[in-house]
PDB file of N, CA and C in Angstrom:
ATOM      1  N   MET A   1     128.128  54.954 175.834  1.00  0.00           N
ATOM      2  CA  MET A   1     128.805  53.696 175.693  1.00  0.00           C
ATOM      3  C   MET A   1     128.828  53.028 177.062  1.00  0.00           C
ATOM      4  N   LEU A   2     128.616  51.746 177.073  1.00  0.00           N
ATOM      5  CA  LEU A   2     128.675  50.971 178.305  1.00  0.00           C
ATOM      6  C   LEU A   2     129.873  50.031 178.214  1.00  0.00           C
ATOM      7  N   LEU A   3     130.758  50.144 179.178  1.00  0.00           N
ATOM      8  CA  LEU A   3     131.949  49.307 179.234  1.00  0.00           C
ATOM      9  C   LEU A   3     131.875  48.508 180.521  1.00  0.00           C
ATOM     10  N   GLU A   4     131.882  47.202 180.403  1.00  0.00           N
ATOM     11  CA  GLU A   4     131.804  46.345 181.579  1.00  0.00           C
ATOM     12  C   GLU A   4     133.141  45.662 181.792  1.00  0.00           C
ATOM     13  N   VAL A   5     133.661  45.775 183.007  1.00  0.00           N
ATOM     14  CA  VAL A   5     134.942  45.181 183.358  1.00  0.00           C
ATOM     15  C   VAL A   5     134.737  44.305 184.586  1.00  0.00           C
ATOM     16  N   ASP A   6     135.104  43.046 184.482  1.00  0.00           N
ATOM     17  CA  ASP A   6     135.017  42.140 185.627  1.00  0.00           C
ATOM     18  C   ASP A   6     136.302  42.244 186.436  1.00  0.00           C
ATOM     19  N   LEU A   7     136.165  42.651 187.690  1.00  0.00           N
ATOM     20  CA  LEU A   7     137.313  42.761 188.577  1.00  0.00           C
ATOM     21  C   LEU A   7     137.368  41.548 189.489  1.00  0.00           C
ATOM     22  N   PRO A   8     138.562  41.157 189.902  1.00  0.00           N
ATOM     23  CA  PRO A   8     138.678  40.029 190.820  1.00  0.00           C
ATOM     24  C   PRO A   8     137.907  40.281 192.103  1.00  0.00           C
ATOM     25  N   ASP A   9     137.258  39.252 192.617  1.00  0.00           N
ATOM     26  CA  ASP A   9     136.474  39.371 193.849  1.00  0.00           C
ATOM     27  C   ASP A   9     137.318  39.804 195.045  1.00  0.00           C
ATOM     28  N   GLU A  10     138.592  39.454 195.042  1.00  0.00           N
ATOM     29  CA  GLU A  10     139.433  39.766 196.193  1.00  0.00           C
ATOM     30  C   GLU A  10     139.921  41.223 196.205  1.00  0.00           C
ATOM     31  N   TRP A  11     139.645  41.987 195.149  1.00  0.00           N
ATOM     32  CA  TRP A  11     140.041  43.394 195.133  1.00  0.00           C
ATOM     33  C   TRP A  11     139.178  44.183 196.105  1.00  0.00           C
ATOM     34  N   PRO A  12     139.783  45.089 196.863  1.00  0.00           N
ATOM     35  CA  PRO A  12     138.973  45.944 197.745  1.00  0.00           C
ATOM     36  C   PRO A  12     138.163  46.943 196.904  1.00  0.00           C
ATOM     37  N   PRO A  13     137.053  47.431 197.439  1.00  0.00           N
ATOM     38  CA  PRO A  13     136.207  48.354 196.669  1.00  0.00           C
ATOM     39  C   PRO A  13     136.948  49.596 196.162  1.00  0.00           C
ATOM     40  N   GLY A  14     137.880  50.094 196.945  1.00  0.00           N
ATOM     41  CA  GLY A  14     138.624  51.284 196.523  1.00  0.00           C
ATOM     42  C   GLY A  14     139.421  51.064 195.262  1.00  0.00           C
ATOM     43  N   LEU A  15     139.961  49.869 195.097  1.00  0.00           N
ATOM     44  CA  LEU A  15     140.740  49.564 193.902  1.00  0.00           C
ATOM     45  C   LEU A  15     139.833  49.527 192.675  1.00  0.00           C
ATOM     46  N   GLY A  16     138.643  48.981 192.833  1.00  0.00           N
ATOM     47  CA  GLY A  16     137.678  48.978 191.735  1.00  0.00           C
ATOM     48  C   GLY A  16     137.283  50.386 191.331  1.00  0.00           C
ATOM     49  N   LEU A  17     137.072  51.256 192.309  1.00  0.00           N
ATOM     50  CA  LEU A  17     136.735  52.651 192.011  1.00  0.00           C
ATOM     51  C   LEU A  17     137.898  53.365 191.321  1.00  0.00           C
ATOM     52  N   ALA A  18     139.115  53.052 191.735  1.00  0.00           N
ATOM     53  CA  ALA A  18     140.289  53.668 191.105  1.00  0.00           C
ATOM     54  C   ALA A  18     140.414  53.228 189.653  1.00  0.00           C
ATOM     55  N   VAL A  19     140.165  51.956 189.382  1.00  0.00           N
ATOM     56  CA  VAL A  19     140.214  51.456 188.007  1.00  0.00           C
ATOM     57  C   VAL A  19     139.136  52.131 187.162  1.00  0.00           C
ATOM     58  N   ALA A  20     137.945  52.269 187.708  1.00  0.00           N
ATOM     59  CA  ALA A  20     136.860  52.937 186.982  1.00  0.00           C
ATOM     60  C   ALA A  20     137.229  54.382 186.662  1.00  0.00           C
ATOM     61  N   ALA A  21     137.796  55.089 187.626  1.00  0.00           N
ATOM     62  CA  ALA A  21     138.208  56.475 187.397  1.00  0.00           C
ATOM     63  C   ALA A  21     139.291  56.560 186.334  1.00  0.00           C
ATOM     64  N   MET A  22     140.247  55.636 186.370  1.00  0.00           N
ATOM     65  CA  MET A  22     141.328  55.621 185.387  1.00  0.00           C
ATOM     66  C   MET A  22     140.771  55.390 183.980  1.00  0.00           C
ATOM     67  N   ILE A  23     139.837  54.463 183.851  1.00  0.00           N
ATOM     68  CA  ILE A  23     139.245  54.172 182.539  1.00  0.00           C
ATOM     69  C   ILE A  23     138.462  55.381 182.038  1.00  0.00           C
ATOM     70  N   ARG A  24     137.655  55.992 182.900  1.00  0.00           N
ATOM     71  CA  ARG A  24     136.890  57.190 182.502  1.00  0.00           C
ATOM     72  C   ARG A  24     137.819  58.305 182.040  1.00  0.00           C
ATOM     73  N   ARG A  25     138.877  58.546 182.786  1.00  0.00           N
ATOM     74  CA  ARG A  25     139.820  59.614 182.440  1.00  0.00           C
ATOM     75  C   ARG A  25     140.522  59.319 181.121  1.00  0.00           C
ATOM     76  N   SER A  26     140.946  58.095 180.912  1.00  0.00           N
ATOM     77  CA  SER A  26     141.650  57.777 179.673  1.00  0.00           C
ATOM     78  C   SER A  26     140.722  57.865 178.468  1.00  0.00           C
ATOM     79  N   LEU A  27     139.464  57.493 178.623  1.00  0.00           N
ATOM     80  CA  LEU A  27     138.517  57.613 177.516  1.00  0.00           C
ATOM     81  C   LEU A  27     138.180  59.071 177.239  1.00  0.00           C
ATOM     82  N   ARG A  28     138.134  59.889 178.260  1.00  0.00           N
ATOM     83  CA  ARG A  28     137.832  61.310 178.088  1.00  0.00           C
ATOM     84  C   ARG A  28     139.005  62.062 177.465  1.00  0.00           C
ATOM     85  N   ASP A  29     140.221  61.728 177.896  1.00  0.00           N
ATOM     86  CA  ASP A  29     141.398  62.503 177.496  1.00  0.00           C
ATOM     87  C   ASP A  29     142.143  61.975 176.281  1.00  0.00           C
ATOM     88  N   GLY A  30     141.867  60.778 175.845  1.00  0.00           N
ATOM     89  CA  GLY A  30     142.620  60.247 174.711  1.00  0.00           C
ATOM     90  C   GLY A  30     142.273  58.808 174.446  1.00  0.00           C
ATOM     91  N   PHE A  31     143.213  58.131 173.857  1.00  0.00           N
ATOM     92  CA  PHE A  31     143.023  56.736 173.495  1.00  0.00           C
ATOM     93  C   PHE A  31     143.661  55.850 174.568  1.00  0.00           C
ATOM     94  N   PRO A  32     142.865  55.020 175.228  1.00  0.00           N
ATOM     95  CA  PRO A  32     143.450  54.164 176.266  1.00  0.00           C
ATOM     96  C   PRO A  32     144.316  53.061 175.666  1.00  0.00           C
ATOM     97  N   VAL A  33     145.384  52.776 176.334  1.00  0.00           N
ATOM     98  CA  VAL A  33     146.252  51.660 175.971  1.00  0.00           C
ATOM     99  C   VAL A  33     146.224  50.709 177.147  1.00  0.00           C
ATOM    100  N   VAL A  34     145.775  49.493 176.900  1.00  0.00           N
ATOM    101  CA  VAL A  34     145.643  48.510 177.963  1.00  0.00           C
ATOM    102  C   VAL A  34     146.626  47.384 177.701  1.00  0.00           C
ATOM    103  N   ILE A  35     147.415  47.058 178.713  1.00  0.00           N
ATOM    104  CA  ILE A  35     148.379  45.967 178.610  1.00  0.00           C
ATOM    105  C   ILE A  35     148.037  44.946 179.686  1.00  0.00           C
ATOM    106  N   PRO A  36     147.450  43.811 179.292  1.00  0.00           N
ATOM    107  CA  PRO A  36     147.176  42.795 180.313  1.00  0.00           C
ATOM    108  C   PRO A  36     148.501  42.182 180.804  1.00  0.00           C
ATOM    109  N   ILE A  37     148.609  42.043 182.082  1.00  0.00           N
ATOM    110  CA  ILE A  37     149.834  41.528 182.702  1.00  0.00           C
ATOM    111  C   ILE A  37     149.478  40.356 183.607  1.00  0.00           C
ATOM    112  N   ARG A  38     150.258  39.286 183.477  1.00  0.00           N
ATOM    113  CA  ARG A  38     150.058  38.139 184.362  1.00  0.00           C
ATOM    114  C   ARG A  38     150.424  38.518 185.793  1.00  0.00           C
ATOM    115  N   ARG A  39     149.781  37.891 186.705  1.00  0.00           N
ATOM    116  CA  ARG A  39     150.030  38.155 188.129  1.00  0.00           C
ATOM    117  C   ARG A  39     151.482  37.843 188.507  1.00  0.00           C
ATOM    118  N   ASP A  40     152.087  36.862 187.861  1.00  0.00           N
ATOM    119  CA  ASP A  40     153.444  36.449 188.217  1.00  0.00           C
ATOM    120  C   ASP A  40     154.511  37.041 187.289  1.00  0.00           C
ATOM    121  N   ALA A  41     154.181  38.092 186.542  1.00  0.00           N
ATOM    122  CA  ALA A  41     155.148  38.703 185.628  1.00  0.00           C
ATOM    123  C   ALA A  41     156.316  39.285 186.416  1.00  0.00           C
ATOM    124  N   THR A  42     157.498  39.118 185.855  1.00  0.00           N
ATOM    125  CA  THR A  42     158.703  39.661 186.496  1.00  0.00           C
ATOM    126  C   THR A  42     158.868  41.131 186.104  1.00  0.00           C
ATOM    127  N   PRO A  43     159.662  41.862 186.861  1.00  0.00           N
ATOM    128  CA  PRO A  43     159.925  43.257 186.476  1.00  0.00           C
ATOM    129  C   PRO A  43     160.510  43.364 185.060  1.00  0.00           C
ATOM    130  N   GLU A  44     161.332  42.414 184.679  1.00  0.00           N
ATOM    131  CA  GLU A  44     161.914  42.431 183.336  1.00  0.00           C
ATOM    132  C   GLU A  44     160.840  42.239 182.266  1.00  0.00           C
ATOM    133  N   GLU A  45     159.869  41.357 182.522  1.00  0.00           N
ATOM    134  CA  GLU A  45     158.778  41.143 181.579  1.00  0.00           C
ATOM    135  C   GLU A  45     157.893  42.386 181.470  1.00  0.00           C
ATOM    136  N   LEU A  46     157.635  43.041 182.596  1.00  0.00           N
ATOM    137  CA  LEU A  46     156.857  44.278 182.582  1.00  0.00           C
ATOM    138  C   LEU A  46     157.580  45.355 181.775  1.00  0.00           C
ATOM    139  N   GLU A  47     158.860  45.469 181.993  1.00  0.00           N
ATOM    140  CA  GLU A  47     159.653  46.461 181.270  1.00  0.00           C
ATOM    141  C   GLU A  47     159.644  46.173 179.769  1.00  0.00           C
ATOM    142  N   ALA A  48     159.764  44.915 179.386  1.00  0.00           N
ATOM    143  CA  ALA A  48     159.745  44.545 177.974  1.00  0.00           C
ATOM    144  C   ALA A  48     158.384  44.846 177.345  1.00  0.00           C
ATOM    145  N   ALA A  49     157.302  44.551 178.043  1.00  0.00           N
ATOM    146  CA  ALA A  49     155.957  44.816 177.519  1.00  0.00           C
ATOM    147  C   ALA A  49     155.744  46.313 177.346  1.00  0.00           C
ATOM    148  N   LEU A  50     156.124  47.086 178.335  1.00  0.00           N
ATOM    149  CA  LEU A  50     155.958  48.532 178.254  1.00  0.00           C
ATOM    150  C   LEU A  50     156.814  49.108 177.121  1.00  0.00           C
ATOM    151  N   GLY A  51     158.016  48.596 176.969  1.00  0.00           N
ATOM    152  CA  GLY A  51     158.891  49.057 175.884  1.00  0.00           C
ATOM    153  C   GLY A  51     158.295  48.775 174.518  1.00  0.00           C
ATOM    154  N   ALA A  52     157.721  47.587 174.345  1.00  0.00           N
ATOM    155  CA  ALA A  52     157.114  47.229 173.060  1.00  0.00           C
ATOM    156  C   ALA A  52     155.927  48.138 172.746  1.00  0.00           C
ATOM    157  N   VAL A  53     155.078  48.388 173.731  1.00  0.00           N
ATOM    158  CA  VAL A  53     153.910  49.247 173.510  1.00  0.00           C
ATOM    159  C   VAL A  53     154.356  50.685 173.252  1.00  0.00           C
ATOM    160  N   THR A  54     155.357  51.148 173.961  1.00  0.00           N
ATOM    161  CA  THR A  54     155.872  52.501 173.752  1.00  0.00           C
ATOM    162  C   THR A  54     156.394  52.669 172.330  1.00  0.00           C
ATOM    163  N   ARG A  55     157.118  51.673 171.825  1.00  0.00           N
ATOM    164  CA  ARG A  55     157.631  51.735 170.450  1.00  0.00           C
ATOM    165  C   ARG A  55     156.495  51.784 169.436  1.00  0.00           C
ATOM    166  N   VAL A  56     155.460  50.981 169.648  1.00  0.00           N
ATOM    167  CA  VAL A  56     154.315  50.985 168.727  1.00  0.00           C
ATOM    168  C   VAL A  56     153.665  52.363 168.716  1.00  0.00           C
ATOM    169  N   ILE A  57     153.482  52.954 169.882  1.00  0.00           N
ATOM    170  CA  ILE A  57     152.871  54.286 169.980  1.00  0.00           C
ATOM    171  C   ILE A  57     153.726  55.325 169.270  1.00  0.00           C
ATOM    172  N   GLN A  58     155.023  55.283 169.496  1.00  0.00           N
ATOM    173  CA  GLN A  58     155.920  56.250 168.867  1.00  0.00           C
ATOM    174  C   GLN A  58     155.949  56.081 167.356  1.00  0.00           C
ATOM    175  N   GLU A  59     156.025  54.837 166.874  1.00  0.00           N
ATOM    176  CA  GLU A  59     156.076  54.589 165.436  1.00  0.00           C
ATOM    177  C   GLU A  59     154.766  54.971 164.743  1.00  0.00           C
ATOM    178  N   ALA A  60     153.668  54.936 165.491  1.00  0.00           N
ATOM    179  CA  ALA A  60     152.361  55.321 164.928  1.00  0.00           C
ATOM    180  C   ALA A  60     152.168  56.831 164.965  1.00  0.00           C
ATOM    181  N   GLY A  61     153.107  57.539 165.587  1.00  0.00           N
ATOM    182  CA  GLY A  61     152.989  58.990 165.674  1.00  0.00           C
ATOM    183  C   GLY A  61     151.991  59.457 166.706  1.00  0.00           C
ATOM    184  N   LEU A  62     151.669  58.608 167.672  1.00  0.00           N
ATOM    185  CA  LEU A  62     150.677  58.951 168.683  1.00  0.00           C
ATOM    186  C   LEU A  62     151.289  59.504 169.955  1.00  0.00           C
ATOM    187  N   ALA A  63     152.607  59.436 170.086  1.00  0.00           N
ATOM    188  CA  ALA A  63     153.248  59.901 171.312  1.00  0.00           C
ATOM    189  C   ALA A  63     153.165  61.406 171.418  1.00  0.00           C
ATOM    190  N   ALA A  64     152.883  61.883 172.619  1.00  0.00           N
ATOM    191  CA  ALA A  64     152.780  63.333 172.844  1.00  0.00           C
ATOM    192  C   ALA A  64     154.153  63.943 172.993  1.00  0.00           C
TER     193      ALA A  64
END
């Protein structure tokens, strides 16, 4: 499978490699859950998004 991800030009190379490693590991070990987040998201918005995704995972019986 080929997965192409466009990273922002301003990201340092190490961050791109870290993202690639994270994606490879999540695909190897289980089902990846990706939550796109706006650059200006507040901590409260991040917490709400994570809470919503966590509930969906738990209700689907996918939580470990």
